[in-house]
Amino acid sequence: HQLLAQALDGAVDPMGRYELGYHEVDRIADDPL
């Protein structure tokens, strides 16, 4: 996901912490995926 963003002129940076374990994700747009 990050490589794809970087390859297409996006940016990836350190968070300063881990997001680790089970977390909830909010879908905010409709998409076939």
PDB file of all heavy atoms in Angstrom:
ATOM      1  N   HIS A   1       0.848  -1.202   0.000  1.00  0.00           N
ATOM      2  CA  HIS A   1       0.000   0.000   0.000  1.00  0.00           C
ATOM      3  C   HIS A   1       0.883   1.251   0.000  1.00  0.00           C
ATOM      4  O   HIS A   1       0.667   2.195  -0.769  1.00  0.00           O
ATOM      5  CB  HIS A   1      -0.889  -0.084   1.252  1.00  0.00           C
ATOM      6  CG  HIS A   1      -1.418   1.176   1.818  1.00  0.00           C
ATOM      7  ND1 HIS A   1      -2.628   1.722   1.441  1.00  0.00           N
ATOM      8  CD2 HIS A   1      -0.946   1.986   2.801  1.00  0.00           C
ATOM      9  CE1 HIS A   1      -2.870   2.804   2.156  1.00  0.00           C
ATOM     10  NE2 HIS A   1      -1.866   2.989   2.978  1.00  0.00           N
ATOM     11  N   GLN A   2       1.899   1.235   0.848  1.00  0.00           N
ATOM     12  CA  GLN A   2       2.799   2.386   0.942  1.00  0.00           C
ATOM     13  C   GLN A   2       3.677   2.519  -0.301  1.00  0.00           C
ATOM     14  O   GLN A   2       3.906   3.631  -0.793  1.00  0.00           O
ATOM     15  CB  GLN A   2       3.658   2.251   2.201  1.00  0.00           C
ATOM     16  CG  GLN A   2       2.845   2.279   3.488  1.00  0.00           C
ATOM     17  CD  GLN A   2       3.642   1.856   4.698  1.00  0.00           C
ATOM     18  OE1 GLN A   2       4.879   1.732   4.652  1.00  0.00           O
ATOM     19  NE2 GLN A   2       2.961   1.617   5.806  1.00  0.00           N
ATOM     20  N   LEU A   3       4.160   1.389  -0.810  1.00  0.00           N
ATOM     21  CA  LEU A   3       4.989   1.405  -2.021  1.00  0.00           C
ATOM     22  C   LEU A   3       4.204   1.949  -3.197  1.00  0.00           C
ATOM     23  O   LEU A   3       4.723   2.751  -4.000  1.00  0.00           O
ATOM     24  CB  LEU A   3       5.495  -0.007  -2.308  1.00  0.00           C
ATOM     25  CG  LEU A   3       6.515  -0.266  -3.424  1.00  0.00           C
ATOM     26  CD1 LEU A   3       5.902  -0.269  -4.806  1.00  0.00           C
ATOM     27  CD2 LEU A   3       7.683   0.699  -3.346  1.00  0.00           C
ATOM     28  N   LEU A   4       2.940   1.555  -3.293  1.00  0.00           N
ATOM     29  CA  LEU A   4       2.082   2.044  -4.371  1.00  0.00           C
ATOM     30  C   LEU A   4       1.942   3.557  -4.294  1.00  0.00           C
ATOM     31  O   LEU A   4       2.062   4.261  -5.312  1.00  0.00           O
ATOM     32  CB  LEU A   4       0.712   1.368  -4.278  1.00  0.00           C
ATOM     33  CG  LEU A   4      -0.322   1.708  -5.335  1.00  0.00           C
ATOM     34  CD1 LEU A   4       0.144   1.279  -6.721  1.00  0.00           C
ATOM     35  CD2 LEU A   4      -1.652   1.025  -4.991  1.00  0.00           C
ATOM     36  N   ALA A   5       1.710   4.081  -3.105  1.00  0.00           N
ATOM     37  CA  ALA A   5       1.595   5.530  -2.948  1.00  0.00           C
ATOM     38  C   ALA A   5       2.895   6.231  -3.323  1.00  0.00           C
ATOM     39  O   ALA A   5       2.901   7.231  -4.061  1.00  0.00           O
ATOM     40  CB  ALA A   5       1.214   5.865  -1.501  1.00  0.00           C
ATOM     41  N   GLN A   6       4.018   5.708  -2.837  1.00  0.00           N
ATOM     42  CA  GLN A   6       5.311   6.325  -3.132  1.00  0.00           C
ATOM     43  C   GLN A   6       5.631   6.272  -4.621  1.00  0.00           C
ATOM     44  O   GLN A   6       6.154   7.249  -5.188  1.00  0.00           O
ATOM     45  CB  GLN A   6       6.397   5.618  -2.325  1.00  0.00           C
ATOM     46  CG  GLN A   6       7.789   6.182  -2.545  1.00  0.00           C
ATOM     47  CD  GLN A   6       8.788   5.600  -1.571  1.00  0.00           C
ATOM     48  OE1 GLN A   6       8.863   5.995  -0.422  1.00  0.00           O
ATOM     49  NE2 GLN A   6       9.586   4.630  -2.032  1.00  0.00           N
ATOM     50  N   ALA A   7       5.320   5.150  -5.269  1.00  0.00           N
ATOM     51  CA  ALA A   7       5.614   4.998  -6.696  1.00  0.00           C
ATOM     52  C   ALA A   7       4.849   5.995  -7.547  1.00  0.00           C
ATOM     53  O   ALA A   7       5.303   6.363  -8.637  1.00  0.00           O
ATOM     54  CB  ALA A   7       5.290   3.576  -7.139  1.00  0.00           C
ATOM     55  N   LEU A   8       3.690   6.439  -7.040  1.00  0.00           N
ATOM     56  CA  LEU A   8       2.844   7.345  -7.813  1.00  0.00           C
ATOM     57  C   LEU A   8       2.901   8.769  -7.273  1.00  0.00           C
ATOM     58  O   LEU A   8       1.962   9.542  -7.401  1.00  0.00           O
ATOM     59  CB  LEU A   8       1.401   6.815  -7.814  1.00  0.00           C
ATOM     60  CG  LEU A   8       1.240   5.409  -8.391  1.00  0.00           C
ATOM     61  CD1 LEU A   8      -0.207   4.945  -8.275  1.00  0.00           C
ATOM     62  CD2 LEU A   8       1.704   5.355  -9.836  1.00  0.00           C
ATOM     63  N   ASP A   9       4.042   9.105  -6.658  1.00  0.00           N
ATOM     64  CA  ASP A   9       4.345  10.465  -6.192  1.00  0.00           C
ATOM     65  C   ASP A   9       3.597  10.875  -4.934  1.00  0.00           C
ATOM     66  O   ASP A   9       3.418  12.065  -4.668  1.00  0.00           O
ATOM     67  CB  ASP A   9       4.100  11.510  -7.302  1.00  0.00           C
ATOM     68  CG  ASP A   9       5.039  11.308  -8.484  1.00  0.00           C
ATOM     69  OD1 ASP A   9       6.206  10.945  -8.248  1.00  0.00           O
ATOM     70  OD2 ASP A   9       4.591  11.494  -9.624  1.00  0.00           O
ATOM     71  N   GLY A  10       3.191   9.894  -4.140  1.00  0.00           N
ATOM     72  CA  GLY A  10       2.723  10.183  -2.794  1.00  0.00           C
ATOM     73  C   GLY A  10       3.909  10.199  -1.842  1.00  0.00           C
ATOM     74  O   GLY A  10       5.068  10.191  -2.268  1.00  0.00           O
ATOM     75  N   ALA A  11       3.638  10.216  -0.539  1.00  0.00           N
ATOM     76  CA  ALA A  11       4.713  10.254   0.452  1.00  0.00           C
ATOM     77  C   ALA A  11       4.396   9.296   1.597  1.00  0.00           C
ATOM     78  O   ALA A  11       3.238   9.119   1.983  1.00  0.00           O
ATOM     79  CB  ALA A  11       4.898  11.668   0.991  1.00  0.00           C
ATOM     80  N   VAL A  12       5.454   8.691   2.137  1.00  0.00           N
ATOM     81  CA  VAL A  12       5.364   7.769   3.270  1.00  0.00           C
ATOM     82  C   VAL A  12       6.370   8.218   4.317  1.00  0.00           C
ATOM     83  O   VAL A  12       7.524   8.533   3.992  1.00  0.00           O
ATOM     84  CB  VAL A  12       5.666   6.320   2.827  1.00  0.00           C
ATOM     85  CG1 VAL A  12       5.650   5.375   4.024  1.00  0.00           C
ATOM     86  CG2 VAL A  12       4.671   5.867   1.769  1.00  0.00           C
ATOM     87  N   ASP A  13       5.931   8.258   5.583  1.00  0.00           N
ATOM     88  CA  ASP A  13       6.797   8.715   6.665  1.00  0.00           C
ATOM     89  C   ASP A  13       6.599   7.862   7.909  1.00  0.00           C
ATOM     90  O   ASP A  13       5.562   7.200   8.062  1.00  0.00           O
ATOM     91  CB  ASP A  13       6.476  10.182   7.008  1.00  0.00           C
ATOM     92  CG  ASP A  13       6.838  11.137   5.891  1.00  0.00           C
ATOM     93  OD1 ASP A  13       8.044  11.321   5.644  1.00  0.00           O
ATOM     94  OD2 ASP A  13       5.914  11.684   5.255  1.00  0.00           O
ATOM     95  N   PRO A  14       7.579   7.895   8.827  1.00  0.00           N
ATOM     96  CA  PRO A  14       7.422   7.165  10.089  1.00  0.00           C
ATOM     97  C   PRO A  14       6.284   7.759  10.919  1.00  0.00           C
ATOM     98  O   PRO A  14       6.052   8.972  10.915  1.00  0.00           O
ATOM     99  CB  PRO A  14       8.771   7.361  10.787  1.00  0.00           C
ATOM    100  CG  PRO A  14       9.727   7.798   9.719  1.00  0.00           C
ATOM    101  CD  PRO A  14       8.898   8.551   8.727  1.00  0.00           C
ATOM    102  N   MET A  15       5.593   6.888  11.662  1.00  0.00           N
ATOM    103  CA  MET A  15       4.512   7.327  12.540  1.00  0.00           C
ATOM    104  C   MET A  15       5.023   7.698  13.942  1.00  0.00           C
ATOM    105  O   MET A  15       4.340   8.381  14.687  1.00  0.00           O
ATOM    106  CB  MET A  15       3.466   6.219  12.680  1.00  0.00           C
ATOM    107  CG  MET A  15       2.783   5.836  11.391  1.00  0.00           C
ATOM    108  SD  MET A  15       1.765   4.344  11.571  1.00  0.00           S
ATOM    109  CE  MET A  15       0.532   4.883  12.760  1.00  0.00           C
ATOM    110  N   GLY A  16       6.196   7.172  14.311  1.00  0.00           N
ATOM    111  CA  GLY A  16       6.696   7.385  15.663  1.00  0.00           C
ATOM    112  C   GLY A  16       6.134   6.389  16.660  1.00  0.00           C
ATOM    113  O   GLY A  16       6.420   6.469  17.860  1.00  0.00           O
ATOM    114  N   ARG A  17       5.354   5.450  16.199  1.00  0.00           N
ATOM    115  CA  ARG A  17       4.772   4.400  17.039  1.00  0.00           C
ATOM    116  C   ARG A  17       4.239   3.307  16.115  1.00  0.00           C
ATOM    117  O   ARG A  17       4.142   3.500  14.904  1.00  0.00           O
ATOM    118  CB  ARG A  17       3.612   4.945  17.885  1.00  0.00           C
ATOM    119  CG  ARG A  17       2.482   5.510  17.038  1.00  0.00           C
ATOM    120  CD  ARG A  17       1.298   5.931  17.870  1.00  0.00           C
ATOM    121  NE  ARG A  17       0.225   6.461  17.033  1.00  0.00           N
ATOM    122  CZ  ARG A  17      -0.991   6.749  17.481  1.00  0.00           C
ATOM    123  NH1 ARG A  17      -1.283   6.547  18.746  1.00  0.00           N
ATOM    124  NH2 ARG A  17      -1.903   7.223  16.648  1.00  0.00           N
ATOM    125  N   TYR A  18       3.899   2.192  16.711  1.00  0.00           N
ATOM    126  CA  TYR A  18       3.284   1.104  15.950  1.00  0.00           C
ATOM    127  C   TYR A  18       1.770   1.169  16.055  1.00  0.00           C
ATOM    128  O   TYR A  18       1.220   1.521  17.104  1.00  0.00           O
ATOM    129  CB  TYR A  18       3.729  -0.256  16.486  1.00  0.00           C
ATOM    130  CG  TYR A  18       4.953  -0.814  15.800  1.00  0.00           C
ATOM    131  CD1 TYR A  18       6.211  -0.682  16.380  1.00  0.00           C
ATOM    132  CD2 TYR A  18       4.849  -1.472  14.579  1.00  0.00           C
ATOM    133  CE1 TYR A  18       7.343  -1.198  15.757  1.00  0.00           C
ATOM    134  CE2 TYR A  18       5.971  -1.983  13.951  1.00  0.00           C
ATOM    135  CZ  TYR A  18       7.208  -1.849  14.545  1.00  0.00           C
ATOM    136  OH  TYR A  18       8.310  -2.347  13.921  1.00  0.00           O
ATOM    137  N   GLU A  19       1.115   0.830  14.954  1.00  0.00           N
ATOM    138  CA  GLU A  19      -0.278   0.411  15.014  1.00  0.00           C
ATOM    139  C   GLU A  19      -0.218  -1.101  14.889  1.00  0.00           C
ATOM    140  O   GLU A  19       0.108  -1.639  13.832  1.00  0.00           O
ATOM    141  CB  GLU A  19      -1.114   1.018  13.890  1.00  0.00           C
ATOM    142  CG  GLU A  19      -2.573   0.593  13.998  1.00  0.00           C
ATOM    143  CD  GLU A  19      -3.467   1.218  12.924  1.00  0.00           C
ATOM    144  OE1 GLU A  19      -2.936   1.653  11.885  1.00  0.00           O
ATOM    145  OE2 GLU A  19      -4.686   1.246  13.136  1.00  0.00           O
ATOM    146  N   LEU A  20      -0.508  -1.785  15.986  1.00  0.00           N
ATOM    147  CA  LEU A  20      -0.285  -3.226  16.062  1.00  0.00           C
ATOM    148  C   LEU A  20      -1.475  -3.897  16.723  1.00  0.00           C
ATOM    149  O   LEU A  20      -1.971  -3.428  17.747  1.00  0.00           O
ATOM    150  CB  LEU A  20       0.997  -3.504  16.858  1.00  0.00           C
ATOM    151  CG  LEU A  20       1.432  -4.957  17.038  1.00  0.00           C
ATOM    152  CD1 LEU A  20       1.750  -5.602  15.694  1.00  0.00           C
ATOM    153  CD2 LEU A  20       2.667  -5.022  17.960  1.00  0.00           C
ATOM    154  N   GLY A  21      -1.940  -4.979  16.132  1.00  0.00           N
ATOM    155  CA  GLY A  21      -3.054  -5.727  16.691  1.00  0.00           C
ATOM    156  C   GLY A  21      -4.336  -5.497  15.910  1.00  0.00           C
ATOM    157  O   GLY A  21      -4.328  -4.917  14.822  1.00  0.00           O
ATOM    158  N   TYR A  22      -5.440  -5.971  16.468  1.00  0.00           N
ATOM    159  CA  TYR A  22      -6.742  -5.807  15.821  1.00  0.00           C
ATOM    160  C   TYR A  22      -7.279  -4.403  16.085  1.00  0.00           C
ATOM    161  O   TYR A  22      -7.362  -3.957  17.235  1.00  0.00           O
ATOM    162  CB  TYR A  22      -7.734  -6.846  16.344  1.00  0.00           C
ATOM    163  CG  TYR A  22      -7.435  -8.245  15.874  1.00  0.00           C
ATOM    164  CD1 TYR A  22      -6.905  -9.193  16.745  1.00  0.00           C
ATOM    165  CD2 TYR A  22      -7.681  -8.626  14.551  1.00  0.00           C
ATOM    166  CE1 TYR A  22      -6.632 -10.484  16.312  1.00  0.00           C
ATOM    167  CE2 TYR A  22      -7.401  -9.910  14.107  1.00  0.00           C
ATOM    168  CZ  TYR A  22      -6.877 -10.830  14.991  1.00  0.00           C
ATOM    169  OH  TYR A  22      -6.599 -12.102  14.558  1.00  0.00           O
ATOM    170  N   HIS A  23      -7.641  -3.705  15.004  1.00  0.00           N
ATOM    171  CA  HIS A  23      -8.192  -2.349  15.106  1.00  0.00           C
ATOM    172  C   HIS A  23      -9.372  -2.209  14.156  1.00  0.00           C
ATOM    173  O   HIS A  23      -9.437  -2.874  13.118  1.00  0.00           O
ATOM    174  CB  HIS A  23      -7.125  -1.305  14.756  1.00  0.00           C
ATOM    175  CG  HIS A  23      -6.030  -1.184  15.764  1.00  0.00           C
ATOM    176  ND1 HIS A  23      -6.102  -0.340  16.847  1.00  0.00           N
ATOM    177  CD2 HIS A  23      -4.838  -1.833  15.861  1.00  0.00           C
ATOM    178  CE1 HIS A  23      -4.996  -0.454  17.571  1.00  0.00           C
ATOM    179  NE2 HIS A  23      -4.217  -1.359  16.990  1.00  0.00           N
ATOM    180  N   GLU A  24     -10.267  -1.325  14.514  1.00  0.00           N
ATOM    181  CA  GLU A  24     -11.401  -1.063  13.637  1.00  0.00           C
ATOM    182  C   GLU A  24     -10.987  -0.122  12.506  1.00  0.00           C
ATOM    183  O   GLU A  24     -10.155   0.769  12.688  1.00  0.00           O
ATOM    184  CB  GLU A  24     -12.562  -0.455  14.426  1.00  0.00           C
ATOM    185  CG  GLU A  24     -13.237  -1.460  15.349  1.00  0.00           C
ATOM    186  CD  GLU A  24     -14.520  -0.929  15.950  1.00  0.00           C
ATOM    187  OE1 GLU A  24     -14.690   0.323  16.005  1.00  0.00           O
ATOM    188  OE2 GLU A  24     -15.363  -1.747  16.363  1.00  0.00           O
ATOM    189  N   VAL A  25     -11.573  -0.356  11.347  1.00  0.00           N
ATOM    190  CA  VAL A  25     -11.332   0.449  10.148  1.00  0.00           C
ATOM    191  C   VAL A  25     -12.673   0.977   9.669  1.00  0.00           C
ATOM    192  O   VAL A  25     -13.655   0.235   9.623  1.00  0.00           O
ATOM    193  CB  VAL A  25     -10.671  -0.401   9.040  1.00  0.00           C
ATOM    194  CG1 VAL A  25     -10.552   0.389   7.743  1.00  0.00           C
ATOM    195  CG2 VAL A  25      -9.306  -0.909   9.501  1.00  0.00           C
ATOM    196  N   ASP A  26     -12.708   2.254   9.322  1.00  0.00           N
ATOM    197  CA  ASP A  26     -13.937   2.892   8.844  1.00  0.00           C
ATOM    198  C   ASP A  26     -13.876   3.071   7.336  1.00  0.00           C
ATOM    199  O   ASP A  26     -12.982   3.744   6.815  1.00  0.00           O
ATOM    200  CB  ASP A  26     -14.134   4.261   9.504  1.00  0.00           C
ATOM    201  CG  ASP A  26     -14.299   4.157  11.010  1.00  0.00           C
ATOM    202  OD1 ASP A  26     -14.998   3.229  11.458  1.00  0.00           O
ATOM    203  OD2 ASP A  26     -13.716   4.995  11.723  1.00  0.00           O
ATOM    204  N   ARG A  27     -14.825   2.460   6.655  1.00  0.00           N
ATOM    205  CA  ARG A  27     -14.940   2.623   5.202  1.00  0.00           C
ATOM    206  C   ARG A  27     -15.684   3.927   4.940  1.00  0.00           C
ATOM    207  O   ARG A  27     -16.795   4.128   5.417  1.00  0.00           O
ATOM    208  CB  ARG A  27     -15.699   1.436   4.608  1.00  0.00           C
ATOM    209  CG  ARG A  27     -15.847   1.476   3.119  1.00  0.00           C
ATOM    210  CD  ARG A  27     -16.357   0.139   2.597  1.00  0.00           C
ATOM    211  NE  ARG A  27     -17.627  -0.255   3.185  1.00  0.00           N
ATOM    212  CZ  ARG A  27     -18.818   0.194   2.774  1.00  0.00           C
ATOM    213  NH1 ARG A  27     -18.896   1.059   1.774  1.00  0.00           N
ATOM    214  NH2 ARG A  27     -19.926  -0.222   3.347  1.00  0.00           N
ATOM    215  N   ILE A  28     -15.078   4.839   4.164  1.00  0.00           N
ATOM    216  CA  ILE A  28     -15.673   6.166   3.995  1.00  0.00           C
ATOM    217  C   ILE A  28     -16.096   6.445   2.557  1.00  0.00           C
ATOM    218  O   ILE A  28     -16.611   7.527   2.258  1.00  0.00           O
ATOM    219  CB  ILE A  28     -14.710   7.280   4.467  1.00  0.00           C
ATOM    220  CG1 ILE A  28     -13.428   7.289   3.629  1.00  0.00           C
ATOM    221  CG2 ILE A  28     -14.385   7.110   5.941  1.00  0.00           C
ATOM    222  CD1 ILE A  28     -12.543   8.478   3.907  1.00  0.00           C
ATOM    223  N   ALA A  29     -15.897   5.481   1.670  1.00  0.00           N
ATOM    224  CA  ALA A  29     -16.318   5.660   0.277  1.00  0.00           C
ATOM    225  C   ALA A  29     -16.706   4.303  -0.289  1.00  0.00           C
ATOM    226  O   ALA A  29     -16.172   3.273   0.106  1.00  0.00           O
ATOM    227  CB  ALA A  29     -15.200   6.289  -0.560  1.00  0.00           C
ATOM    228  N   ASP A  30     -17.653   4.314  -1.206  1.00  0.00           N
ATOM    229  CA  ASP A  30     -18.052   3.080  -1.879  1.00  0.00           C
ATOM    230  C   ASP A  30     -17.039   2.744  -2.971  1.00  0.00           C
ATOM    231  O   ASP A  30     -16.575   3.629  -3.696  1.00  0.00           O
ATOM    232  CB  ASP A  30     -19.439   3.235  -2.495  1.00  0.00           C
ATOM    233  CG  ASP A  30     -20.530   3.346  -1.447  1.00  0.00           C
ATOM    234  OD1 ASP A  30     -20.355   2.758  -0.359  1.00  0.00           O
ATOM    235  OD2 ASP A  30     -21.547   4.011  -1.703  1.00  0.00           O
ATOM    236  N   ASP A  31     -16.698   1.472  -3.061  1.00  0.00           N
ATOM    237  CA  ASP A  31     -15.767   1.024  -4.096  1.00  0.00           C
ATOM    238  C   ASP A  31     -15.938  -0.475  -4.246  1.00  0.00           C
ATOM    239  O   ASP A  31     -16.218  -1.181  -3.259  1.00  0.00           O
ATOM    240  CB  ASP A  31     -14.323   1.344  -3.687  1.00  0.00           C
ATOM    241  CG  ASP A  31     -13.342   1.064  -4.812  1.00  0.00           C
ATOM    242  OD1 ASP A  31     -13.111   1.976  -5.631  1.00  0.00           O
ATOM    243  OD2 ASP A  31     -12.826  -0.071  -4.889  1.00  0.00           O
ATOM    244  N   PRO A  32     -15.773  -1.008  -5.459  1.00  0.00           N
ATOM    245  CA  PRO A  32     -15.908  -2.459  -5.651  1.00  0.00           C
ATOM    246  C   PRO A  32     -15.001  -3.295  -4.753  1.00  0.00           C
ATOM    247  O   PRO A  32     -15.343  -4.421  -4.400  1.00  0.00           O
ATOM    248  CB  PRO A  32     -15.550  -2.646  -7.121  1.00  0.00           C
ATOM    249  CG  PRO A  32     -15.884  -1.340  -7.771  1.00  0.00           C
ATOM    250  CD  PRO A  32     -15.577  -0.296  -6.739  1.00  0.00           C
ATOM    251  N   LEU A  33     -13.843  -2.762  -4.357  1.00  0.00           N
ATOM    252  CA  LEU A  33     -12.939  -3.526  -3.504  1.00  0.00           C
ATOM    253  C   LEU A  33     -13.562  -3.822  -2.149  1.00  0.00           C
ATOM    254  O   LEU A  33     -13.242  -4.832  -1.511  1.00  0.00           O
ATOM    255  CB  LEU A  33     -11.619  -2.772  -3.307  1.00  0.00           C
ATOM    256  CG  LEU A  33     -10.516  -3.567  -2.603  1.00  0.00           C
ATOM    257  CD1 LEU A  33      -9.972  -4.662  -3.507  1.00  0.00           C
ATOM    258  CD2 LEU A  33      -9.386  -2.648  -2.140  1.00  0.00           C
TER     259      LEU A  33
END
